[in-house]
Amino acid sequence: MTAPPPQAGPARASESCLLPGPAVFTPVPLCTGRKGACCPVKTILCFGDSNTFGYVPGTGARYAREVRWPCRMAQLLGEGYEVVAEGLSGRTTVFSDYIEPYRAGIEHIVPIVQSHAPDALVVMLGTNDTKTRYHVCAQEIGYGMEEVLLRLRTAYPFSPVPKVVLVSPAPLRCEEGIEFSASSVEKSKQLAPIYAGIARRFGCSYFDAGQFAALGVDGIHFTEQDHAEMARRAAAAVQALF
C-alpha cells in the first residue's frame, strides 16, 4: 500500500520571503549627518559654558528652555535647522583642575562633534579661563581657544571641517571674590581683540558678546534680555554661513 504524499506544512520564514526572479537591490545613500541630499536640515552645535547652559545669575538655577539662547536661536532659524546645545558650567578652553574636573573644552570637542555631526558650531568660551586659580593671561586664553579650534580639525581627517562662529564672551562685571578677581575682570576685557584675530586667522565668523550683554546681578551670567539678543546675533551669523 502506497503511503499518502506528505501534507505541505507552513512555509518557513526564509521561504516566505523568497521572490520569483532575480533580486534587485536599490542602494541607499549613507547619511553621514552632514549637509547634503539625504540630510537637508543643517545641524548647529552651540559649544560653551554656563551662559550656553542657561545659568540664572544670582540663583544658580537654570533658565527655562524657551529662554536660553540656543533654543531661541532654533526658533529664529526655523525648520531648516537643528540646534544642539552643549553648554557646561565652568567649561574652559583647555584648562582643568580638581576643583571642577572634566571642564576642559579641548577634551570634549571631538567626541561631541562626532556625536552630532554639525554643519556649523557657535563657540563661546573664555570666561572661566580668567579664574584666579588658572594663573593665565588673556593671550594664553587666546592660545587655548586656538588649540580648541585645532583639535576640532582632527575630528574631520577626510572631510571638510564644520564652519565656526567664534564669539568673544562678555567682559566680567563682578566684584572681587574667591574665583574671580580684579585681574579676572581686566583679562576678560582684553579677549575681544584677541578672539577677533583668531577668527581672522582660522577663517571663522565672529562677533563680540560684550557689545550687547548687560549681565545679571552677579556680573557673570546673561540676563533674559542677553539671551534674546545673543540668539538674534547668533542666528544672523549662522544664516550668513550658508
C-alpha atoms as a PDB file:
ATOM      1  CA  MET A   1       0.000   0.000   0.000  1.00  0.00           C
ATOM      2  CA  THR A   2       1.426   3.344  -1.031  1.00  0.00           C
ATOM      3  CA  ALA A   3       1.795   5.959   1.695  1.00  0.00           C
ATOM      4  CA  PRO A   4      -0.075   9.213   1.051  1.00  0.00           C
ATOM      5  CA  PRO A   5       2.049  12.157  -0.009  1.00  0.00           C
ATOM      6  CA  PRO A   6       3.160  14.350   2.884  1.00  0.00           C
ATOM      7  CA  GLN A   7       0.955  17.312   3.592  1.00  0.00           C
ATOM      8  CA  ALA A   8       2.536  20.681   2.911  1.00  0.00           C
ATOM      9  CA  GLY A   9       3.308  22.392   6.151  1.00  0.00           C
ATOM     10  CA  PRO A  10       3.521  26.131   6.788  1.00  0.00           C
ATOM     11  CA  ALA A  11       6.227  27.862   4.803  1.00  0.00           C
ATOM     12  CA  ARG A  12       9.392  28.551   6.674  1.00  0.00           C
ATOM     13  CA  ALA A  13      10.146  32.180   7.277  1.00  0.00           C
ATOM     14  CA  SER A  14      13.047  32.080   4.850  1.00  0.00           C
ATOM     15  CA  GLU A  15      10.851  30.533   2.156  1.00  0.00           C
ATOM     16  CA  SER A  16       8.043  33.017   2.601  1.00  0.00           C
ATOM     17  CA  CYS A  17      10.462  35.868   1.863  1.00  0.00           C
ATOM     18  CA  LEU A  18      11.629  34.407  -1.453  1.00  0.00           C
ATOM     19  CA  LEU A  19      10.524  36.327  -4.536  1.00  0.00           C
ATOM     20  CA  PRO A  20      10.435  34.933  -8.059  1.00  0.00           C
ATOM     21  CA  GLY A  21      13.136  36.165 -10.410  1.00  0.00           C
ATOM     22  CA  PRO A  22      16.460  37.788  -9.632  1.00  0.00           C
ATOM     23  CA  ALA A  23      16.658  40.008  -6.559  1.00  0.00           C
ATOM     24  CA  VAL A  24      17.052  43.700  -7.260  1.00  0.00           C
ATOM     25  CA  PHE A  25      18.728  45.908  -4.680  1.00  0.00           C
ATOM     26  CA  THR A  26      18.456  49.682  -4.730  1.00  0.00           C
ATOM     27  CA  PRO A  27      21.447  51.254  -2.992  1.00  0.00           C
ATOM     28  CA  VAL A  28      20.538  53.736  -0.267  1.00  0.00           C
ATOM     29  CA  PRO A  29      22.966  56.640   0.221  1.00  0.00           C
ATOM     30  CA  LEU A  30      24.710  56.560   3.550  1.00  0.00           C
ATOM     31  CA  CYS A  31      23.763  59.627   5.587  1.00  0.00           C
ATOM     32  CA  THR A  32      26.747  60.977   7.452  1.00  0.00           C
ATOM     33  CA  GLY A  33      24.737  63.616   9.280  1.00  0.00           C
ATOM     34  CA  ARG A  34      26.388  66.406   7.323  1.00  0.00           C
ATOM     35  CA  LYS A  35      24.540  68.680   4.940  1.00  0.00           C
ATOM     36  CA  GLY A  36      23.525  67.042   1.658  1.00  0.00           C
ATOM     37  CA  ALA A  37      20.728  65.475  -0.373  1.00  0.00           C
ATOM     38  CA  CYS A  38      19.864  62.958   2.360  1.00  0.00           C
ATOM     39  CA  CYS A  39      20.246  65.479   5.212  1.00  0.00           C
ATOM     40  CA  PRO A  40      18.728  68.783   4.115  1.00  0.00           C
ATOM     41  CA  VAL A  41      18.455  70.024   7.709  1.00  0.00           C
ATOM     42  CA  LYS A  42      21.566  71.851   8.922  1.00  0.00           C
ATOM     43  CA  THR A  43      22.777  70.938  12.412  1.00  0.00           C
ATOM     44  CA  ILE A  44      24.195  73.776  14.506  1.00  0.00           C
ATOM     45  CA  LEU A  45      26.165  72.929  17.662  1.00  0.00           C
ATOM     46  CA  CYS A  46      26.395  75.540  20.434  1.00  0.00           C
ATOM     47  CA  PHE A  47      29.555  74.786  22.421  1.00  0.00           C
ATOM     48  CA  GLY A  48      30.045  76.856  25.535  1.00  0.00           C
ATOM     49  CA  ASP A  49      29.917  77.282  29.282  1.00  0.00           C
ATOM     50  CA  SER A  50      27.247  78.317  31.804  1.00  0.00           C
ATOM     51  CA  ASN A  51      25.959  81.095  29.543  1.00  0.00           C
ATOM     52  CA  THR A  52      25.149  78.429  26.952  1.00  0.00           C
ATOM     53  CA  PHE A  53      23.809  76.116  29.654  1.00  0.00           C
ATOM     54  CA  GLY A  54      21.449  78.853  30.831  1.00  0.00           C
ATOM     55  CA  TYR A  55      22.669  79.615  34.363  1.00  0.00           C
ATOM     56  CA  VAL A  56      20.462  82.176  36.131  1.00  0.00           C
ATOM     57  CA  PRO A  57      22.595  84.966  37.670  1.00  0.00           C
ATOM     58  CA  GLY A  58      22.441  85.131  41.427  1.00  0.00           C
ATOM     59  CA  THR A  59      20.426  81.938  41.986  1.00  0.00           C
ATOM     60  CA  GLY A  60      22.276  79.128  40.246  1.00  0.00           C
ATOM     61  CA  ALA A  61      19.029  77.841  38.764  1.00  0.00           C
ATOM     62  CA  ARG A  62      18.622  77.171  35.064  1.00  0.00           C
ATOM     63  CA  TYR A  63      16.542  79.311  32.750  1.00  0.00           C
ATOM     64  CA  ALA A  64      13.542  77.642  31.162  1.00  0.00           C
ATOM     65  CA  ARG A  65      14.254  76.081  27.785  1.00  0.00           C
ATOM     66  CA  GLU A  66      12.453  78.807  25.861  1.00  0.00           C
ATOM     67  CA  VAL A  67      14.629  81.493  27.481  1.00  0.00           C
ATOM     68  CA  ARG A  68      18.058  80.013  26.685  1.00  0.00           C
ATOM     69  CA  TRP A  69      19.747  81.457  23.618  1.00  0.00           C
ATOM     70  CA  PRO A  70      20.317  78.157  21.741  1.00  0.00           C
ATOM     71  CA  CYS A  71      16.597  77.374  21.937  1.00  0.00           C
ATOM     72  CA  ARG A  72      15.661  80.910  20.928  1.00  0.00           C
ATOM     73  CA  MET A  73      18.105  80.701  18.037  1.00  0.00           C
ATOM     74  CA  ALA A  74      16.436  77.492  16.874  1.00  0.00           C
ATOM     75  CA  GLN A  75      13.106  79.310  16.740  1.00  0.00           C
ATOM     76  CA  LEU A  76      14.631  82.159  14.742  1.00  0.00           C
ATOM     77  CA  LEU A  77      16.340  79.818  12.281  1.00  0.00           C
ATOM     78  CA  GLY A  78      13.206  77.788  11.623  1.00  0.00           C
ATOM     79  CA  GLU A  79      12.554  74.354  10.173  1.00  0.00           C
ATOM     80  CA  GLY A  80      15.712  74.053   8.086  1.00  0.00           C
ATOM     81  CA  TYR A  81      17.919  73.839  11.162  1.00  0.00           C
ATOM     82  CA  GLU A  82      18.502  71.611  14.167  1.00  0.00           C
ATOM     83  CA  VAL A  83      20.222  73.303  17.118  1.00  0.00           C
ATOM     84  CA  VAL A  84      22.131  71.252  19.697  1.00  0.00           C
ATOM     85  CA  ALA A  85      23.068  72.956  22.969  1.00  0.00           C
ATOM     86  CA  GLU A  86      26.307  71.751  24.593  1.00  0.00           C
ATOM     87  CA  GLY A  87      26.781  74.147  27.495  1.00  0.00           C
ATOM     88  CA  LEU A  88      28.646  73.105  30.645  1.00  0.00           C
ATOM     89  CA  SER A  89      29.043  75.387  33.652  1.00  0.00           C
ATOM     90  CA  GLY A  90      32.714  76.019  34.400  1.00  0.00           C
ATOM     91  CA  ARG A  91      33.923  74.891  30.966  1.00  0.00           C
ATOM     92  CA  THR A  92      37.236  76.404  29.855  1.00  0.00           C
ATOM     93  CA  THR A  93      39.152  76.246  26.609  1.00  0.00           C
ATOM     94  CA  VAL A  94      41.997  73.962  27.742  1.00  0.00           C
ATOM     95  CA  PHE A  95      42.497  74.458  31.483  1.00  0.00           C
ATOM     96  CA  SER A  96      41.423  71.905  34.096  1.00  0.00           C
ATOM     97  CA  ASP A  97      41.759  71.277  37.805  1.00  0.00           C
ATOM     98  CA  TYR A  98      40.457  69.012  40.558  1.00  0.00           C
ATOM     99  CA  ILE A  99      38.018  71.562  41.987  1.00  0.00           C
ATOM    100  CA  GLU A 100      35.924  71.451  38.821  1.00  0.00           C
ATOM    101  CA  PRO A 101      37.049  68.359  36.887  1.00  0.00           C
ATOM    102  CA  TYR A 102      36.051  67.491  33.312  1.00  0.00           C
ATOM    103  CA  ARG A 103      35.799  71.136  32.292  1.00  0.00           C
ATOM    104  CA  ALA A 104      38.469  71.478  29.568  1.00  0.00           C
ATOM    105  CA  GLY A 105      36.682  72.057  26.274  1.00  0.00           C
ATOM    106  CA  ILE A 106      39.573  70.662  24.260  1.00  0.00           C
ATOM    107  CA  GLU A 107      38.910  67.225  25.794  1.00  0.00           C
ATOM    108  CA  HIS A 108      35.232  67.264  24.791  1.00  0.00           C
ATOM    109  CA  ILE A 109      35.131  68.914  21.385  1.00  0.00           C
ATOM    110  CA  VAL A 110      36.000  65.857  19.264  1.00  0.00           C
ATOM    111  CA  PRO A 111      33.555  63.317  20.770  1.00  0.00           C
ATOM    112  CA  ILE A 112      30.819  65.932  20.814  1.00  0.00           C
ATOM    113  CA  VAL A 113      31.151  66.881  17.153  1.00  0.00           C
ATOM    114  CA  GLN A 114      31.491  63.226  16.184  1.00  0.00           C
ATOM    115  CA  SER A 115      28.252  62.528  18.070  1.00  0.00           C
ATOM    116  CA  HIS A 116      26.237  65.342  16.476  1.00  0.00           C
ATOM    117  CA  ALA A 117      27.974  65.803  13.081  1.00  0.00           C
ATOM    118  CA  PRO A 118      27.227  69.542  12.932  1.00  0.00           C
ATOM    119  CA  ASP A 119      27.344  71.677   9.817  1.00  0.00           C
ATOM    120  CA  ALA A 120      28.462  74.632  11.955  1.00  0.00           C
ATOM    121  CA  LEU A 121      29.396  75.482  15.522  1.00  0.00           C
ATOM    122  CA  VAL A 122      28.828  78.564  17.649  1.00  0.00           C
ATOM    123  CA  VAL A 123      31.699  78.578  20.166  1.00  0.00           C
ATOM    124  CA  MET A 124      31.741  80.894  23.178  1.00  0.00           C
ATOM    125  CA  LEU A 125      34.362  80.105  25.835  1.00  0.00           C
ATOM    126  CA  GLY A 126      36.939  82.024  27.843  1.00  0.00           C
ATOM    127  CA  THR A 127      35.139  83.468  30.859  1.00  0.00           C
ATOM    128  CA  ASN A 128      36.111  80.626  33.195  1.00  0.00           C
ATOM    129  CA  ASP A 129      39.693  80.733  31.938  1.00  0.00           C
ATOM    130  CA  THR A 130      40.068  84.084  33.735  1.00  0.00           C
ATOM    131  CA  LYS A 131      39.591  82.459  37.162  1.00  0.00           C
ATOM    132  CA  THR A 132      42.402  83.218  39.581  1.00  0.00           C
ATOM    133  CA  ARG A 133      43.360  79.570  40.084  1.00  0.00           C
ATOM    134  CA  TYR A 134      44.397  79.136  36.442  1.00  0.00           C
ATOM    135  CA  HIS A 135      47.032  81.894  36.613  1.00  0.00           C
ATOM    136  CA  VAL A 136      46.973  82.640  32.868  1.00  0.00           C
ATOM    137  CA  CYS A 137      46.935  85.905  30.945  1.00  0.00           C
ATOM    138  CA  ALA A 138      44.468  86.932  28.240  1.00  0.00           C
ATOM    139  CA  GLN A 139      46.872  85.973  25.470  1.00  0.00           C
ATOM    140  CA  GLU A 140      47.223  82.467  26.913  1.00  0.00           C
ATOM    141  CA  ILE A 141      43.435  82.160  26.943  1.00  0.00           C
ATOM    142  CA  GLY A 142      43.606  83.013  23.259  1.00  0.00           C
ATOM    143  CA  TYR A 143      46.154  80.237  22.795  1.00  0.00           C
ATOM    144  CA  GLY A 144      43.691  77.907  24.473  1.00  0.00           C
ATOM    145  CA  MET A 145      40.954  78.865  22.021  1.00  0.00           C
ATOM    146  CA  GLU A 146      43.323  78.269  19.117  1.00  0.00           C
ATOM    147  CA  GLU A 147      44.046  74.790  20.459  1.00  0.00           C
ATOM    148  CA  VAL A 148      40.315  74.031  20.657  1.00  0.00           C
ATOM    149  CA  LEU A 149      39.885  75.017  17.005  1.00  0.00           C
ATOM    150  CA  LEU A 150      42.922  72.976  16.001  1.00  0.00           C
ATOM    151  CA  ARG A 151      41.593  69.949  17.889  1.00  0.00           C
ATOM    152  CA  LEU A 152      38.263  70.368  16.070  1.00  0.00           C
ATOM    153  CA  ARG A 153      40.071  69.811  12.774  1.00  0.00           C
ATOM    154  CA  THR A 154      41.324  66.411  13.916  1.00  0.00           C
ATOM    155  CA  ALA A 155      37.734  65.150  14.045  1.00  0.00           C
ATOM    156  CA  TYR A 156      37.486  65.511  10.252  1.00  0.00           C
ATOM    157  CA  PRO A 157      40.591  63.970   8.679  1.00  0.00           C
ATOM    158  CA  PHE A 158      38.773  63.061   5.433  1.00  0.00           C
ATOM    159  CA  SER A 159      36.000  65.659   5.156  1.00  0.00           C
ATOM    160  CA  PRO A 160      35.572  69.431   5.462  1.00  0.00           C
ATOM    161  CA  VAL A 161      35.605  70.871   8.971  1.00  0.00           C
ATOM    162  CA  PRO A 162      32.304  72.456  10.063  1.00  0.00           C
ATOM    163  CA  LYS A 163      32.049  76.220   9.839  1.00  0.00           C
ATOM    164  CA  VAL A 164      32.581  78.119  13.075  1.00  0.00           C
ATOM    165  CA  VAL A 165      31.065  81.247  14.576  1.00  0.00           C
ATOM    166  CA  LEU A 166      33.515  82.360  17.256  1.00  0.00           C
ATOM    167  CA  VAL A 167      32.035  84.558  19.990  1.00  0.00           C
ATOM    168  CA  SER A 168      34.098  86.568  22.437  1.00  0.00           C
ATOM    169  CA  PRO A 169      32.446  86.368  25.881  1.00  0.00           C
ATOM    170  CA  ALA A 170      31.118  89.480  27.549  1.00  0.00           C
ATOM    171  CA  PRO A 171      33.636  91.131  29.909  1.00  0.00           C
ATOM    172  CA  LEU A 172      33.051  90.398  33.574  1.00  0.00           C
ATOM    173  CA  ARG A 173      31.414  92.997  35.796  1.00  0.00           C
ATOM    174  CA  CYS A 174      31.683  91.050  39.048  1.00  0.00           C
ATOM    175  CA  GLU A 175      33.043  92.072  42.418  1.00  0.00           C
ATOM    176  CA  GLU A 176      36.291  90.614  43.731  1.00  0.00           C
ATOM    177  CA  GLY A 177      35.658  87.120  45.042  1.00  0.00           C
ATOM    178  CA  ILE A 178      37.140  83.672  45.551  1.00  0.00           C
ATOM    179  CA  GLU A 179      37.124  82.612  41.906  1.00  0.00           C
ATOM    180  CA  PHE A 180      37.216  85.905  40.026  1.00  0.00           C
ATOM    181  CA  SER A 181      39.409  88.875  40.918  1.00  0.00           C
ATOM    182  CA  ALA A 182      40.017  92.365  39.585  1.00  0.00           C
ATOM    183  CA  SER A 183      42.654  90.761  37.380  1.00  0.00           C
ATOM    184  CA  SER A 184      39.988  88.388  36.007  1.00  0.00           C
ATOM    185  CA  VAL A 185      37.828  91.348  35.043  1.00  0.00           C
ATOM    186  CA  GLU A 186      40.734  93.043  33.299  1.00  0.00           C
ATOM    187  CA  LYS A 187      41.687  89.888  31.400  1.00  0.00           C
ATOM    188  CA  SER A 188      38.092  89.406  30.242  1.00  0.00           C
ATOM    189  CA  LYS A 189      38.146  92.917  28.756  1.00  0.00           C
ATOM    190  CA  GLN A 190      41.189  92.006  26.657  1.00  0.00           C
ATOM    191  CA  LEU A 191      39.666  88.941  24.996  1.00  0.00           C
ATOM    192  CA  ALA A 192      37.641  90.608  22.219  1.00  0.00           C
ATOM    193  CA  PRO A 193      40.566  91.809  20.055  1.00  0.00           C
ATOM    194  CA  ILE A 194      42.440  88.550  20.694  1.00  0.00           C
ATOM    195  CA  TYR A 195      39.445  86.477  19.565  1.00  0.00           C
ATOM    196  CA  ALA A 196      38.879  88.729  16.554  1.00  0.00           C
ATOM    197  CA  GLY A 197      42.439  87.979  15.464  1.00  0.00           C
ATOM    198  CA  ILE A 198      41.915  84.248  15.965  1.00  0.00           C
ATOM    199  CA  ALA A 199      38.756  84.378  13.857  1.00  0.00           C
ATOM    200  CA  ARG A 200      40.652  86.040  11.014  1.00  0.00           C
ATOM    201  CA  ARG A 201      43.480  83.505  11.114  1.00  0.00           C
ATOM    202  CA  PHE A 202      41.162  80.494  11.280  1.00  0.00           C
ATOM    203  CA  GLY A 203      38.557  81.760   8.835  1.00  0.00           C
ATOM    204  CA  CYS A 204      35.765  81.897  11.418  1.00  0.00           C
ATOM    205  CA  SER A 205      32.789  84.195  11.557  1.00  0.00           C
ATOM    206  CA  TYR A 206      32.981  86.380  14.667  1.00  0.00           C
ATOM    207  CA  PHE A 207      31.086  88.696  16.977  1.00  0.00           C
ATOM    208  CA  ASP A 208      31.620  90.108  20.465  1.00  0.00           C
ATOM    209  CA  ALA A 209      29.012  89.407  23.160  1.00  0.00           C
ATOM    210  CA  GLY A 210      30.431  92.353  25.067  1.00  0.00           C
ATOM    211  CA  GLN A 211      28.784  94.643  22.530  1.00  0.00           C
ATOM    212  CA  PHE A 212      25.322  93.891  23.910  1.00  0.00           C
ATOM    213  CA  ALA A 213      25.364  91.798  27.112  1.00  0.00           C
ATOM    214  CA  ALA A 214      24.482  93.710  30.278  1.00  0.00           C
ATOM    215  CA  LEU A 215      24.930  90.612  32.512  1.00  0.00           C
ATOM    216  CA  GLY A 216      22.930  89.945  35.652  1.00  0.00           C
ATOM    217  CA  VAL A 217      23.369  90.707  39.324  1.00  0.00           C
ATOM    218  CA  ASP A 218      26.450  88.501  39.617  1.00  0.00           C
ATOM    219  CA  GLY A 219      28.235  90.320  36.796  1.00  0.00           C
ATOM    220  CA  ILE A 220      28.979  86.983  35.087  1.00  0.00           C
ATOM    221  CA  HIS A 221      25.842  85.471  33.591  1.00  0.00           C
ATOM    222  CA  PHE A 222      23.356  86.520  30.908  1.00  0.00           C
ATOM    223  CA  THR A 223      20.027  88.097  31.706  1.00  0.00           C
ATOM    224  CA  GLU A 224      16.934  87.001  29.793  1.00  0.00           C
ATOM    225  CA  GLN A 225      17.400  90.008  27.525  1.00  0.00           C
ATOM    226  CA  ASP A 226      21.025  88.996  26.928  1.00  0.00           C
ATOM    227  CA  HIS A 227      19.881  85.532  25.880  1.00  0.00           C
ATOM    228  CA  ALA A 228      17.383  87.046  23.450  1.00  0.00           C
ATOM    229  CA  GLU A 229      19.992  89.284  21.818  1.00  0.00           C
ATOM    230  CA  MET A 230      22.604  86.518  21.761  1.00  0.00           C
ATOM    231  CA  ALA A 231      20.105  84.318  19.936  1.00  0.00           C
ATOM    232  CA  ARG A 232      19.369  87.035  17.399  1.00  0.00           C
ATOM    233  CA  ARG A 233      23.027  87.713  16.628  1.00  0.00           C
ATOM    234  CA  ALA A 234      23.999  84.043  16.569  1.00  0.00           C
ATOM    235  CA  ALA A 235      21.108  83.224  14.211  1.00  0.00           C
ATOM    236  CA  ALA A 236      22.158  86.018  11.842  1.00  0.00           C
ATOM    237  CA  ALA A 237      25.764  84.809  11.902  1.00  0.00           C
ATOM    238  CA  VAL A 238      24.737  81.217  11.199  1.00  0.00           C
ATOM    239  CA  GLN A 239      22.455  82.193   8.325  1.00  0.00           C
ATOM    240  CA  ALA A 240      25.311  84.168   6.770  1.00  0.00           C
ATOM    241  CA  LEU A 241      27.412  80.994   6.644  1.00  0.00           C
ATOM    242  CA  PHE A 242      25.171  79.189   4.159  1.00  0.00           C
END
